[in-house]
Amino acid sequence: MRWGSWGSVIFETTSSPDKLTSARKYNVVPHHLINRYPAHEFMGEDEHTLNMSWHLNSRFTDPDSMYEQLQSAAQIGTIGALIIGGQQIGQFAIRELKKDLLNTAPTGHTREIKISVTLVEVRP
């Protein structure tokens, strides 16, 4: 079953993010006034970022393959549509990618990793 996707990377129920945080920032700039509280002016929206984490186990998916797909996309600046539950959230690029190795087999093969991805919305 498909949970969602970003570009060509498909998240299935066995590999869906276990954490999803969306943050939107807005610019409200203070104008300092002599002997008074600052006046504030709304200057518009800042970047929309999204943080996702996956806890990947080799019983359900290939953790190294998933990380390599994301790393390749980040290195060339891929912009992809983020779709969650059939709804398009927007166009996003990878800003940051982290990998925590949690468990390996005695042979050195990866059994379990945690991948953290920070996406930033890209608008025309």
PDB file of N, CA and C in Angstrom:
ATOM      1  N   MET A   1       0.838  -1.175   0.000  1.00  0.00           N
ATOM      2  CA  MET A   1       0.000   0.000   0.000  1.00  0.00           C
ATOM      3  C   MET A   1       0.889   1.247   0.000  1.00  0.00           C
ATOM      4  N   ARG A   2       0.560   2.206  -0.823  1.00  0.00           N
ATOM      5  CA  ARG A   2       1.331   3.429  -0.945  1.00  0.00           C
ATOM      6  C   ARG A   2       0.884   4.433   0.123  1.00  0.00           C
ATOM      7  N   TRP A   3       1.843   4.944   0.899  1.00  0.00           N
ATOM      8  CA  TRP A   3       1.608   5.974   1.911  1.00  0.00           C
ATOM      9  C   TRP A   3       1.769   7.341   1.294  1.00  0.00           C
ATOM     10  N   GLY A   4       2.786   7.465   0.447  1.00  0.00           N
ATOM     11  CA  GLY A   4       3.072   8.735  -0.204  1.00  0.00           C
ATOM     12  C   GLY A   4       4.310   8.604  -1.072  1.00  0.00           C
ATOM     13  N   SER A   5       4.762   9.744  -1.623  1.00  0.00           N
ATOM     14  CA  SER A   5       5.960   9.716  -2.448  1.00  0.00           C
ATOM     15  C   SER A   5       6.579  11.108  -2.515  1.00  0.00           C
ATOM     16  N   TRP A   6       7.857  11.135  -2.827  1.00  0.00           N
ATOM     17  CA  TRP A   6       8.567  12.361  -3.168  1.00  0.00           C
ATOM     18  C   TRP A   6       9.337  12.059  -4.430  1.00  0.00           C
ATOM     19  N   GLY A   7       8.943  12.706  -5.531  1.00  0.00           N
ATOM     20  CA  GLY A   7       9.571  12.398  -6.810  1.00  0.00           C
ATOM     21  C   GLY A   7       9.393  10.923  -7.132  1.00  0.00           C
ATOM     22  N   SER A   8      10.492  10.227  -7.405  1.00  0.00           N
ATOM     23  CA  SER A   8      10.420   8.805  -7.754  1.00  0.00           C
ATOM     24  C   SER A   8      10.543   7.886  -6.542  1.00  0.00           C
ATOM     25  N   VAL A   9      10.760   8.458  -5.345  1.00  0.00           N
ATOM     26  CA  VAL A   9      10.886   7.659  -4.125  1.00  0.00           C
ATOM     27  C   VAL A   9       9.487   7.429  -3.559  1.00  0.00           C
ATOM     28  N   ILE A  10       9.095   6.186  -3.492  1.00  0.00           N
ATOM     29  CA  ILE A  10       7.753   5.836  -3.011  1.00  0.00           C
ATOM     30  C   ILE A  10       7.841   5.323  -1.581  1.00  0.00           C
ATOM     31  N   PHE A  11       6.990   5.870  -0.714  1.00  0.00           N
ATOM     32  CA  PHE A  11       6.925   5.430   0.675  1.00  0.00           C
ATOM     33  C   PHE A  11       5.754   4.473   0.789  1.00  0.00           C
ATOM     34  N   GLU A  12       6.047   3.245   1.179  1.00  0.00           N
ATOM     35  CA  GLU A  12       4.993   2.272   1.404  1.00  0.00           C
ATOM     36  C   GLU A  12       4.724   2.210   2.898  1.00  0.00           C
ATOM     37  N   THR A  13       3.682   1.494   3.296  1.00  0.00           N
ATOM     38  CA  THR A  13       3.344   1.435   4.718  1.00  0.00           C
ATOM     39  C   THR A  13       4.471   0.826   5.543  1.00  0.00           C
ATOM     40  N   THR A  14       5.301  -0.006   4.917  1.00  0.00           N
ATOM     41  CA  THR A  14       6.417  -0.593   5.663  1.00  0.00           C
ATOM     42  C   THR A  14       7.636   0.321   5.693  1.00  0.00           C
ATOM     43  N   SER A  15       7.623   1.410   4.895  1.00  0.00           N
ATOM     44  CA  SER A  15       8.760   2.329   4.878  1.00  0.00           C
ATOM     45  C   SER A  15       8.312   3.780   5.007  1.00  0.00           C
ATOM     46  N   SER A  16       7.114   3.993   5.525  1.00  0.00           N
ATOM     47  CA  SER A  16       6.622   5.365   5.667  1.00  0.00           C
ATOM     48  C   SER A  16       7.338   6.059   6.819  1.00  0.00           C
ATOM     49  N   PRO A  17       7.409   7.392   6.752  1.00  0.00           N
ATOM     50  CA  PRO A  17       8.080   8.119   7.837  1.00  0.00           C
ATOM     51  C   PRO A  17       7.428   7.846   9.184  1.00  0.00           C
ATOM     52  N   ASP A  18       8.267   7.730  10.224  1.00  0.00           N
ATOM     53  CA  ASP A  18       7.721   7.581  11.569  1.00  0.00           C
ATOM     54  C   ASP A  18       7.649   8.936  12.261  1.00  0.00           C
ATOM     55  N   LYS A  19       8.109   9.987  11.560  1.00  0.00           N
ATOM     56  CA  LYS A  19       8.016  11.340  12.086  1.00  0.00           C
ATOM     57  C   LYS A  19       7.879  12.287  10.903  1.00  0.00           C
ATOM     58  N   LEU A  20       6.958  13.221  10.992  1.00  0.00           N
ATOM     59  CA  LEU A  20       6.751  14.209   9.939  1.00  0.00           C
ATOM     60  C   LEU A  20       6.433  15.538  10.604  1.00  0.00           C
ATOM     61  N   THR A  21       7.291  16.537  10.406  1.00  0.00           N
ATOM     62  CA  THR A  21       7.111  17.849  11.019  1.00  0.00           C
ATOM     63  C   THR A  21       7.157  18.908   9.931  1.00  0.00           C
ATOM     64  N   SER A  22       6.140  19.741   9.877  1.00  0.00           N
ATOM     65  CA  SER A  22       6.078  20.825   8.903  1.00  0.00           C
ATOM     66  C   SER A  22       6.216  22.150   9.633  1.00  0.00           C
ATOM     67  N   ALA A  23       7.040  23.048   9.087  1.00  0.00           N
ATOM     68  CA  ALA A  23       7.239  24.356   9.719  1.00  0.00           C
ATOM     69  C   ALA A  23       7.121  25.458   8.671  1.00  0.00           C
ATOM     70  N   ARG A  24       6.344  26.468   8.988  1.00  0.00           N
ATOM     71  CA  ARG A  24       6.216  27.645   8.122  1.00  0.00           C
ATOM     72  C   ARG A  24       6.636  28.860   8.942  1.00  0.00           C
ATOM     73  N   LYS A  25       7.415  29.721   8.307  1.00  0.00           N
ATOM     74  CA  LYS A  25       7.873  30.929   8.975  1.00  0.00           C
ATOM     75  C   LYS A  25       7.329  32.149   8.240  1.00  0.00           C
ATOM     76  N   TYR A  26       7.105  33.210   8.999  1.00  0.00           N
ATOM     77  CA  TYR A  26       6.614  34.461   8.438  1.00  0.00           C
ATOM     78  C   TYR A  26       7.495  35.593   8.941  1.00  0.00           C
ATOM     79  N   ASN A  27       7.750  36.546   8.073  1.00  0.00           N
ATOM     80  CA  ASN A  27       8.625  37.668   8.415  1.00  0.00           C
ATOM     81  C   ASN A  27       7.817  38.833   8.975  1.00  0.00           C
ATOM     82  N   VAL A  28       8.015  39.102  10.243  1.00  0.00           N
ATOM     83  CA  VAL A  28       7.436  40.275  10.898  1.00  0.00           C
ATOM     84  C   VAL A  28       8.628  41.075  11.412  1.00  0.00           C
ATOM     85  N   VAL A  29       8.868  42.224  10.786  1.00  0.00           N
ATOM     86  CA  VAL A  29      10.079  42.999  11.044  1.00  0.00           C
ATOM     87  C   VAL A  29       9.778  44.145  12.007  1.00  0.00           C
ATOM     88  N   PRO A  30      10.599  44.289  13.067  1.00  0.00           N
ATOM     89  CA  PRO A  30      10.399  45.419  13.978  1.00  0.00           C
ATOM     90  C   PRO A  30      11.063  46.693  13.439  1.00  0.00           C
ATOM     91  N   HIS A  31      10.392  47.811  13.652  1.00  0.00           N
ATOM     92  CA  HIS A  31      10.958  49.128  13.356  1.00  0.00           C
ATOM     93  C   HIS A  31      11.081  49.838  14.695  1.00  0.00           C
ATOM     94  N   HIS A  32      12.312  50.059  15.128  1.00  0.00           N
ATOM     95  CA  HIS A  32      12.549  50.635  16.442  1.00  0.00           C
ATOM     96  C   HIS A  32      12.195  52.116  16.452  1.00  0.00           C
ATOM     97  N   LEU A  33      11.461  52.494  17.477  1.00  0.00           N
ATOM     98  CA  LEU A  33      11.033  53.883  17.654  1.00  0.00           C
ATOM     99  C   LEU A  33      11.640  54.427  18.941  1.00  0.00           C
ATOM    100  N   ILE A  34      12.016  55.663  18.937  1.00  0.00           N
ATOM    101  CA  ILE A  34      12.627  56.279  20.114  1.00  0.00           C
ATOM    102  C   ILE A  34      11.593  56.362  21.235  1.00  0.00           C
ATOM    103  N   ASN A  35      11.975  55.821  22.395  1.00  0.00           N
ATOM    104  CA  ASN A  35      11.149  55.853  23.613  1.00  0.00           C
ATOM    105  C   ASN A  35       9.780  55.196  23.450  1.00  0.00           C
ATOM    106  N   ARG A  36       9.667  54.258  22.530  1.00  0.00           N
ATOM    107  CA  ARG A  36       8.389  53.575  22.329  1.00  0.00           C
ATOM    108  C   ARG A  36       8.635  52.114  21.991  1.00  0.00           C
ATOM    109  N   TYR A  37       7.607  51.343  22.121  1.00  0.00           N
ATOM    110  CA  TYR A  37       7.655  49.937  21.721  1.00  0.00           C
ATOM    111  C   TYR A  37       7.811  49.896  20.199  1.00  0.00           C
ATOM    112  N   PRO A  38       8.584  48.945  19.658  1.00  0.00           N
ATOM    113  CA  PRO A  38       8.789  48.895  18.205  1.00  0.00           C
ATOM    114  C   PRO A  38       7.479  48.694  17.441  1.00  0.00           C
ATOM    115  N   ALA A  39       7.395  49.308  16.291  1.00  0.00           N
ATOM    116  CA  ALA A  39       6.284  49.078  15.363  1.00  0.00           C
ATOM    117  C   ALA A  39       6.676  47.875  14.498  1.00  0.00           C
ATOM    118  N   HIS A  40       5.725  47.031  14.160  1.00  0.00           N
ATOM    119  CA  HIS A  40       6.024  45.822  13.393  1.00  0.00           C
ATOM    120  C   HIS A  40       5.326  45.863  12.037  1.00  0.00           C
ATOM    121  N   GLU A  41       6.022  45.301  11.055  1.00  0.00           N
ATOM    122  CA  GLU A  41       5.487  45.266   9.702  1.00  0.00           C
ATOM    123  C   GLU A  41       5.605  43.841   9.159  1.00  0.00           C
ATOM    124  N   PHE A  42       4.518  43.342   8.607  1.00  0.00           N
ATOM    125  CA  PHE A  42       4.507  42.009   8.009  1.00  0.00           C
ATOM    126  C   PHE A  42       5.156  42.084   6.631  1.00  0.00           C
ATOM    127  N   MET A  43       6.207  41.291   6.428  1.00  0.00           N
ATOM    128  CA  MET A  43       6.966  41.328   5.173  1.00  0.00           C
ATOM    129  C   MET A  43       6.736  40.088   4.296  1.00  0.00           C
ATOM    130  N   GLY A  44       5.823  39.219   4.692  1.00  0.00           N
ATOM    131  CA  GLY A  44       5.502  38.060   3.860  1.00  0.00           C
ATOM    132  C   GLY A  44       5.982  36.746   4.449  1.00  0.00           C
ATOM    133  N   GLU A  45       5.728  35.711   3.693  1.00  0.00           N
ATOM    134  CA  GLU A  45       6.057  34.349   4.123  1.00  0.00           C
ATOM    135  C   GLU A  45       7.519  34.045   3.861  1.00  0.00           C
ATOM    136  N   ASP A  46       8.134  33.280   4.761  1.00  0.00           N
ATOM    137  CA  ASP A  46       9.496  32.780   4.587  1.00  0.00           C
ATOM    138  C   ASP A  46       9.387  31.332   4.090  1.00  0.00           C
ATOM    139  N   GLU A  47      10.440  30.561   4.181  1.00  0.00           N
ATOM    140  CA  GLU A  47      10.460  29.206   3.658  1.00  0.00           C
ATOM    141  C   GLU A  47       9.563  28.243   4.437  1.00  0.00           C
ATOM    142  N   HIS A  48       9.046  27.278   3.698  1.00  0.00           N
ATOM    143  CA  HIS A  48       8.276  26.172   4.272  1.00  0.00           C
ATOM    144  C   HIS A  48       9.193  24.952   4.271  1.00  0.00           C
ATOM    145  N   THR A  49       9.510  24.437   5.451  1.00  0.00           N
ATOM    146  CA  THR A  49      10.361  23.257   5.557  1.00  0.00           C
ATOM    147  C   THR A  49       9.568  22.089   6.118  1.00  0.00           C
ATOM    148  N   LEU A  50      10.039  20.911   5.800  1.00  0.00           N
ATOM    149  CA  LEU A  50       9.381  19.691   6.250  1.00  0.00           C
ATOM    150  C   LEU A  50      10.463  18.699   6.660  1.00  0.00           C
ATOM    151  N   ASN A  51      10.367  18.159   7.861  1.00  0.00           N
ATOM    152  CA  ASN A  51      11.323  17.161   8.360  1.00  0.00           C
ATOM    153  C   ASN A  51      10.633  15.808   8.435  1.00  0.00           C
ATOM    154  N   MET A  52      11.310  14.802   7.882  1.00  0.00           N
ATOM    155  CA  MET A  52      10.788  13.439   7.937  1.00  0.00           C
ATOM    156  C   MET A  52      11.880  12.508   8.442  1.00  0.00           C
ATOM    157  N   SER A  53      11.484  11.487   9.185  1.00  0.00           N
ATOM    158  CA  SER A  53      12.418  10.464   9.654  1.00  0.00           C
ATOM    159  C   SER A  53      11.858   9.087   9.327  1.00  0.00           C
ATOM    160  N   TRP A  54      12.755   8.216   8.873  1.00  0.00           N
ATOM    161  CA  TRP A  54      12.392   6.828   8.622  1.00  0.00           C
ATOM    162  C   TRP A  54      13.242   5.929   9.500  1.00  0.00           C
ATOM    163  N   HIS A  55      12.621   4.940  10.069  1.00  0.00           N
ATOM    164  CA  HIS A  55      13.328   3.879  10.790  1.00  0.00           C
ATOM    165  C   HIS A  55      13.214   2.670   9.871  1.00  0.00           C
ATOM    166  N   LEU A  56      14.288   2.359   9.157  1.00  0.00           N
ATOM    167  CA  LEU A  56      14.244   1.323   8.129  1.00  0.00           C
ATOM    168  C   LEU A  56      14.902   0.036   8.598  1.00  0.00           C
ATOM    169  N   ASN A  57      14.212  -1.065   8.408  1.00  0.00           N
ATOM    170  CA  ASN A  57      14.699  -2.376   8.808  1.00  0.00           C
ATOM    171  C   ASN A  57      14.822  -3.249   7.568  1.00  0.00           C
ATOM    172  N   SER A  58      15.890  -4.013   7.475  1.00  0.00           N
ATOM    173  CA  SER A  58      16.141  -4.838   6.293  1.00  0.00           C
ATOM    174  C   SER A  58      15.106  -5.949   6.108  1.00  0.00           C
ATOM    175  N   ARG A  59      14.269  -6.205   7.096  1.00  0.00           N
ATOM    176  CA  ARG A  59      13.203  -7.205   6.928  1.00  0.00           C
ATOM    177  C   ARG A  59      12.137  -6.715   5.962  1.00  0.00           C
ATOM    178  N   PHE A  60      11.993  -5.389   5.834  1.00  0.00           N
ATOM    179  CA  PHE A  60      10.911  -4.828   5.017  1.00  0.00           C
ATOM    180  C   PHE A  60      11.399  -4.105   3.768  1.00  0.00           C
ATOM    181  N   THR A  61      12.626  -3.573   3.803  1.00  0.00           N
ATOM    182  CA  THR A  61      13.138  -2.784   2.682  1.00  0.00           C
ATOM    183  C   THR A  61      14.659  -2.847   2.696  1.00  0.00           C
ATOM    184  N   ASP A  62      15.286  -2.290   1.693  1.00  0.00           N
ATOM    185  CA  ASP A  62      16.744  -2.211   1.658  1.00  0.00           C
ATOM    186  C   ASP A  62      17.145  -0.821   2.152  1.00  0.00           C
ATOM    187  N   PRO A  63      17.574  -0.694   3.413  1.00  0.00           N
ATOM    188  CA  PRO A  63      17.887   0.621   3.981  1.00  0.00           C
ATOM    189  C   PRO A  63      18.955   1.384   3.200  1.00  0.00           C
ATOM    190  N   ASP A  64      20.008   0.700   2.778  1.00  0.00           N
ATOM    191  CA  ASP A  64      21.079   1.373   2.046  1.00  0.00           C
ATOM    192  C   ASP A  64      20.597   1.901   0.698  1.00  0.00           C
ATOM    193  N   SER A  65      19.748   1.145   0.024  1.00  0.00           N
ATOM    194  CA  SER A  65      19.212   1.555  -1.269  1.00  0.00           C
ATOM    195  C   SER A  65      18.361   2.822  -1.130  1.00  0.00           C
ATOM    196  N   MET A  66      17.518   2.864  -0.110  1.00  0.00           N
ATOM    197  CA  MET A  66      16.668   4.033   0.120  1.00  0.00           C
ATOM    198  C   MET A  66      17.537   5.264   0.389  1.00  0.00           C
ATOM    199  N   TYR A  67      18.575   5.101   1.207  1.00  0.00           N
ATOM    200  CA  TYR A  67      19.478   6.216   1.508  1.00  0.00           C
ATOM    201  C   TYR A  67      20.219   6.685   0.251  1.00  0.00           C
ATOM    202  N   GLU A  68      20.686   5.738  -0.559  1.00  0.00           N
ATOM    203  CA  GLU A  68      21.402   6.086  -1.785  1.00  0.00           C
ATOM    204  C   GLU A  68      20.516   6.845  -2.764  1.00  0.00           C
ATOM    205  N   GLN A  69      19.244   6.462  -2.864  1.00  0.00           N
ATOM    206  CA  GLN A  69      18.309   7.179  -3.736  1.00  0.00           C
ATOM    207  C   GLN A  69      18.170   8.628  -3.287  1.00  0.00           C
ATOM    208  N   LEU A  70      17.988   8.814  -1.994  1.00  0.00           N
ATOM    209  CA  LEU A  70      17.824  10.165  -1.463  1.00  0.00           C
ATOM    210  C   LEU A  70      19.111  10.984  -1.593  1.00  0.00           C
ATOM    211  N   GLN A  71      20.252  10.347  -1.341  1.00  0.00           N
ATOM    212  CA  GLN A  71      21.537  11.041  -1.448  1.00  0.00           C
ATOM    213  C   GLN A  71      21.808  11.482  -2.892  1.00  0.00           C
ATOM    214  N   SER A  72      21.529  10.634  -3.849  1.00  0.00           N
ATOM    215  CA  SER A  72      21.708  10.978  -5.260  1.00  0.00           C
ATOM    216  C   SER A  72      20.816  12.154  -5.650  1.00  0.00           C
ATOM    217  N   ALA A  73      19.579  12.117  -5.197  1.00  0.00           N
ATOM    218  CA  ALA A  73      18.652  13.211  -5.501  1.00  0.00           C
ATOM    219  C   ALA A  73      19.115  14.530  -4.880  1.00  0.00           C
ATOM    220  N   ALA A  74      19.651  14.470  -3.664  1.00  0.00           N
ATOM    221  CA  ALA A  74      20.132  15.677  -2.987  1.00  0.00           C
ATOM    222  C   ALA A  74      21.345  16.264  -3.699  1.00  0.00           C
ATOM    223  N   GLN A  75      22.250  15.406  -4.151  1.00  0.00           N
ATOM    224  CA  GLN A  75      23.489  15.861  -4.773  1.00  0.00           C
ATOM    225  C   GLN A  75      23.276  16.588  -6.097  1.00  0.00           C
ATOM    226  N   ILE A  76      22.194  16.271  -6.805  1.00  0.00           N
ATOM    227  CA  ILE A  76      21.938  16.951  -8.075  1.00  0.00           C
ATOM    228  C   ILE A  76      20.812  17.988  -7.971  1.00  0.00           C
ATOM    229  N   GLY A  77      20.310  18.200  -6.764  1.00  0.00           N
ATOM    230  CA  GLY A  77      19.287  19.234  -6.547  1.00  0.00           C
ATOM    231  C   GLY A  77      17.918  18.901  -7.108  1.00  0.00           C
ATOM    232  N   THR A  78      17.563  17.635  -7.046  1.00  0.00           N
ATOM    233  CA  THR A  78      16.273  17.192  -7.568  1.00  0.00           C
ATOM    234  C   THR A  78      15.122  17.878  -6.840  1.00  0.00           C
ATOM    235  N   ILE A  79      14.167  18.355  -7.624  1.00  0.00           N
ATOM    236  CA  ILE A  79      12.935  18.916  -7.074  1.00  0.00           C
ATOM    237  C   ILE A  79      11.826  17.942  -7.431  1.00  0.00           C
ATOM    238  N   GLY A  80      11.086  17.496  -6.423  1.00  0.00           N
ATOM    239  CA  GLY A  80      10.038  16.516  -6.671  1.00  0.00           C
ATOM    240  C   GLY A  80       8.763  16.880  -5.951  1.00  0.00           C
ATOM    241  N   ALA A  81       7.668  16.398  -6.499  1.00  0.00           N
ATOM    242  CA  ALA A  81       6.365  16.614  -5.870  1.00  0.00           C
ATOM    243  C   ALA A  81       6.264  15.723  -4.635  1.00  0.00           C
ATOM    244  N   LEU A  82       5.875  16.314  -3.505  1.00  0.00           N
ATOM    245  CA  LEU A  82       5.641  15.542  -2.287  1.00  0.00           C
ATOM    246  C   LEU A  82       4.157  15.247  -2.211  1.00  0.00           C
ATOM    247  N   ILE A  83       3.844  13.956  -2.202  1.00  0.00           N
ATOM    248  CA  ILE A  83       2.448  13.510  -2.154  1.00  0.00           C
ATOM    249  C   ILE A  83       2.280  12.657  -0.921  1.00  0.00           C
ATOM    250  N   ILE A  84       1.308  13.002  -0.092  1.00  0.00           N
ATOM    251  CA  ILE A  84       1.018  12.244   1.119  1.00  0.00           C
ATOM    252  C   ILE A  84      -0.464  11.908   1.131  1.00  0.00           C
ATOM    253  N   GLY A  85      -0.756  10.620   1.213  1.00  0.00           N
ATOM    254  CA  GLY A  85      -2.144  10.172   1.239  1.00  0.00           C
ATOM    255  C   GLY A  85      -2.940  10.593   0.019  1.00  0.00           C
ATOM    256  N   GLY A  86      -2.292  10.650  -1.143  1.00  0.00           N
ATOM    257  CA  GLY A  86      -2.974  11.016  -2.381  1.00  0.00           C
ATOM    258  C   GLY A  86      -3.094  12.506  -2.607  1.00  0.00           C
ATOM    259  N   GLN A  87      -2.626  13.336  -1.691  1.00  0.00           N
ATOM    260  CA  GLN A  87      -2.723  14.794  -1.818  1.00  0.00           C
ATOM    261  C   GLN A  87      -1.335  15.392  -2.023  1.00  0.00           C
ATOM    262  N   GLN A  88      -1.188  16.229  -3.074  1.00  0.00           N
ATOM    263  CA  GLN A  88       0.098  16.875  -3.319  1.00  0.00           C
ATOM    264  C   GLN A  88       0.283  18.031  -2.342  1.00  0.00           C
ATOM    265  N   ILE A  89       1.413  18.007  -1.614  1.00  0.00           N
ATOM    266  CA  ILE A  89       1.730  19.028  -0.622  1.00  0.00           C
ATOM    267  C   ILE A  89       2.465  20.201  -1.277  1.00  0.00           C
ATOM    268  N   GLY A  90       3.267  19.918  -2.291  1.00  0.00           N
ATOM    269  CA  GLY A  90       4.029  20.946  -2.993  1.00  0.00           C
ATOM    270  C   GLY A  90       5.251  20.348  -3.653  1.00  0.00           C
ATOM    271  N   GLN A  91       6.095  21.212  -4.213  1.00  0.00           N
ATOM    272  CA  GLN A  91       7.356  20.813  -4.832  1.00  0.00           C
ATOM    273  C   GLN A  91       8.469  21.050  -3.828  1.00  0.00           C
ATOM    274  N   PHE A  92       9.266  20.022  -3.549  1.00  0.00           N
ATOM    275  CA  PHE A  92      10.289  20.117  -2.511  1.00  0.00           C
ATOM    276  C   PHE A  92      11.649  19.629  -3.010  1.00  0.00           C
ATOM    277  N   ALA A  93      12.706  20.210  -2.434  1.00  0.00           N
ATOM    278  CA  ALA A  93      14.080  19.775  -2.665  1.00  0.00           C
ATOM    279  C   ALA A  93      14.682  19.387  -1.315  1.00  0.00           C
ATOM    280  N   ILE A  94      15.692  18.530  -1.335  1.00  0.00           N
ATOM    281  CA  ILE A  94      16.336  18.099  -0.094  1.00  0.00           C
ATOM    282  C   ILE A  94      17.341  19.161   0.346  1.00  0.00           C
ATOM    283  N   ARG A  95      17.183  19.634   1.564  1.00  0.00           N
ATOM    284  CA  ARG A  95      18.122  20.592   2.143  1.00  0.00           C
ATOM    285  C   ARG A  95      19.162  19.875   3.005  1.00  0.00           C
ATOM    286  N   GLU A  96      18.730  18.827   3.718  1.00  0.00           N
ATOM    287  CA  GLU A  96      19.648  18.125   4.620  1.00  0.00           C
ATOM    288  C   GLU A  96      19.260  16.652   4.685  1.00  0.00           C
ATOM    289  N   LEU A  97      20.274  15.805   4.797  1.00  0.00           N
ATOM    290  CA  LEU A  97      20.071  14.365   4.846  1.00  0.00           C
ATOM    291  C   LEU A  97      21.004  13.790   5.905  1.00  0.00           C
ATOM    292  N   LYS A  98      20.432  13.033   6.847  1.00  0.00           N
ATOM    293  CA  LYS A  98      21.229  12.420   7.912  1.00  0.00           C
ATOM    294  C   LYS A  98      20.952  10.919   7.947  1.00  0.00           C
ATOM    295  N   LYS A  99      22.005  10.170   8.293  1.00  0.00           N
ATOM    296  CA  LYS A  99      21.868   8.710   8.399  1.00  0.00           C
ATOM    297  C   LYS A  99      22.480   8.270   9.718  1.00  0.00           C
ATOM    298  N   ASP A 100      21.718   7.537  10.501  1.00  0.00           N
ATOM    299  CA  ASP A 100      22.213   6.944  11.744  1.00  0.00           C
ATOM    300  C   ASP A 100      22.160   5.434  11.597  1.00  0.00           C
ATOM    301  N   LEU A 101      23.312   4.804  11.638  1.00  0.00           N
ATOM    302  CA  LEU A 101      23.396   3.354  11.553  1.00  0.00           C
ATOM    303  C   LEU A 101      23.057   2.771  12.917  1.00  0.00           C
ATOM    304  N   LEU A 102      22.006   1.964  12.984  1.00  0.00           N
ATOM    305  CA  LEU A 102      21.537   1.444  14.265  1.00  0.00           C
ATOM    306  C   LEU A 102      21.961   0.000  14.523  1.00  0.00           C
ATOM    307  N   ASN A 103      22.065  -0.796  13.439  1.00  0.00           N
ATOM    308  CA  ASN A 103      22.354  -2.214  13.643  1.00  0.00           C
ATOM    309  C   ASN A 103      22.937  -2.798  12.365  1.00  0.00           C
ATOM    310  N   THR A 104      23.976  -3.633  12.519  1.00  0.00           N
ATOM    311  CA  THR A 104      24.554  -4.325  11.374  1.00  0.00           C
ATOM    312  C   THR A 104      24.639  -5.823  11.675  1.00  0.00           C
ATOM    313  N   ALA A 105      24.704  -6.610  10.624  1.00  0.00           N
ATOM    314  CA  ALA A 105      24.899  -8.055  10.758  1.00  0.00           C
ATOM    315  C   ALA A 105      26.377  -8.310  11.029  1.00  0.00           C
ATOM    316  N   PRO A 106      26.733  -9.481  11.542  1.00  0.00           N
ATOM    317  CA  PRO A 106      28.148  -9.809  11.764  1.00  0.00           C
ATOM    318  C   PRO A 106      28.995  -9.699  10.495  1.00  0.00           C
ATOM    319  N   THR A 107      28.346  -9.822   9.336  1.00  0.00           N
ATOM    320  CA  THR A 107      29.060  -9.706   8.057  1.00  0.00           C
ATOM    321  C   THR A 107      29.285  -8.250   7.651  1.00  0.00           C
ATOM    322  N   GLY A 108      28.668  -7.314   8.372  1.00  0.00           N
ATOM    323  CA  GLY A 108      28.813  -5.895   8.053  1.00  0.00           C
ATOM    324  C   GLY A 108      27.672  -5.314   7.253  1.00  0.00           C
ATOM    325  N   HIS A 109      26.722  -6.133   6.849  1.00  0.00           N
ATOM    326  CA  HIS A 109      25.569  -5.630   6.100  1.00  0.00           C
ATOM    327  C   HIS A 109      24.626  -4.863   7.024  1.00  0.00           C
ATOM    328  N   THR A 110      24.029  -3.821   6.492  1.00  0.00           N
ATOM    329  CA  THR A 110      23.122  -2.974   7.269  1.00  0.00           C
ATOM    330  C   THR A 110      21.815  -3.704   7.546  1.00  0.00           C
ATOM    331  N   ARG A 111      21.432  -3.738   8.811  1.00  0.00           N
ATOM    332  CA  ARG A 111      20.135  -4.312   9.196  1.00  0.00           C
ATOM    333  C   ARG A 111      19.112  -3.209   9.459  1.00  0.00           C
ATOM    334  N   GLU A 112      19.590  -2.134  10.077  1.00  0.00           N
ATOM    335  CA  GLU A 112      18.649  -1.111  10.528  1.00  0.00           C
ATOM    336  C   GLU A 112      19.324   0.256  10.526  1.00  0.00           C
ATOM    337  N   ILE A 113      18.637   1.250   9.932  1.00  0.00           N
ATOM    338  CA  ILE A 113      19.133   2.624   9.972  1.00  0.00           C
ATOM    339  C   ILE A 113      17.979   3.587  10.210  1.00  0.00           C
ATOM    340  N   LYS A 114      18.339   4.778  10.627  1.00  0.00           N
ATOM    341  CA  LYS A 114      17.372   5.863  10.733  1.00  0.00           C
ATOM    342  C   LYS A 114      17.832   6.950   9.774  1.00  0.00           C
ATOM    343  N   ILE A 115      16.943   7.364   8.872  1.00  0.00           N
ATOM    344  CA  ILE A 115      17.240   8.427   7.917  1.00  0.00           C
ATOM    345  C   ILE A 115      16.381   9.626   8.273  1.00  0.00           C
ATOM    346  N   SER A 116      17.015  10.787   8.375  1.00  0.00           N
ATOM    347  CA  SER A 116      16.304  12.041   8.617  1.00  0.00           C
ATOM    348  C   SER A 116      16.512  12.943   7.415  1.00  0.00           C
ATOM    349  N   VAL A 117      15.415  13.477   6.878  1.00  0.00           N
ATOM    350  CA  VAL A 117      15.456  14.320   5.686  1.00  0.00           C
ATOM    351  C   VAL A 117      14.780  15.651   5.993  1.00  0.00           C
ATOM    352  N   THR A 118      15.447  16.743   5.614  1.00  0.00           N
ATOM    353  CA  THR A 118      14.829  18.072   5.684  1.00  0.00           C
ATOM    354  C   THR A 118      14.577  18.517   4.261  1.00  0.00           C
ATOM    355  N   LEU A 119      13.309  18.761   3.948  1.00  0.00           N
ATOM    356  CA  LEU A 119      12.904  19.229   2.627  1.00  0.00           C
ATOM    357  C   LEU A 119      12.539  20.709   2.718  1.00  0.00           C
ATOM    358  N   VAL A 120      12.775  21.448   1.642  1.00  0.00           N
ATOM    359  CA  VAL A 120      12.363  22.846   1.570  1.00  0.00           C
ATOM    360  C   VAL A 120      11.477  23.002   0.329  1.00  0.00           C
ATOM    361  N   GLU A 121      10.361  23.710   0.500  1.00  0.00           N
ATOM    362  CA  GLU A 121       9.449  23.898  -0.610  1.00  0.00           C
ATOM    363  C   GLU A 121      10.071  24.856  -1.619  1.00  0.00           C
ATOM    364  N   VAL A 122       9.952  24.476  -2.904  1.00  0.00           N
ATOM    365  CA  VAL A 122      10.485  25.286  -3.992  1.00  0.00           C
ATOM    366  C   VAL A 122       9.290  25.758  -4.817  1.00  0.00           C
ATOM    367  N   ARG A 123       9.177  27.069  -4.940  1.00  0.00           N
ATOM    368  CA  ARG A 123       8.063  27.650  -5.713  1.00  0.00           C
ATOM    369  C   ARG A 123       8.616  28.414  -6.904  1.00  0.00           C
ATOM    370  N   PRO A 124       7.852  28.422  -8.012  1.00  0.00           N
ATOM    371  CA  PRO A 124       8.304  29.166  -9.197  1.00  0.00           C
ATOM    372  C   PRO A 124       8.300  30.675  -8.972  1.00  0.00           C
TER     373      PRO A 124
END
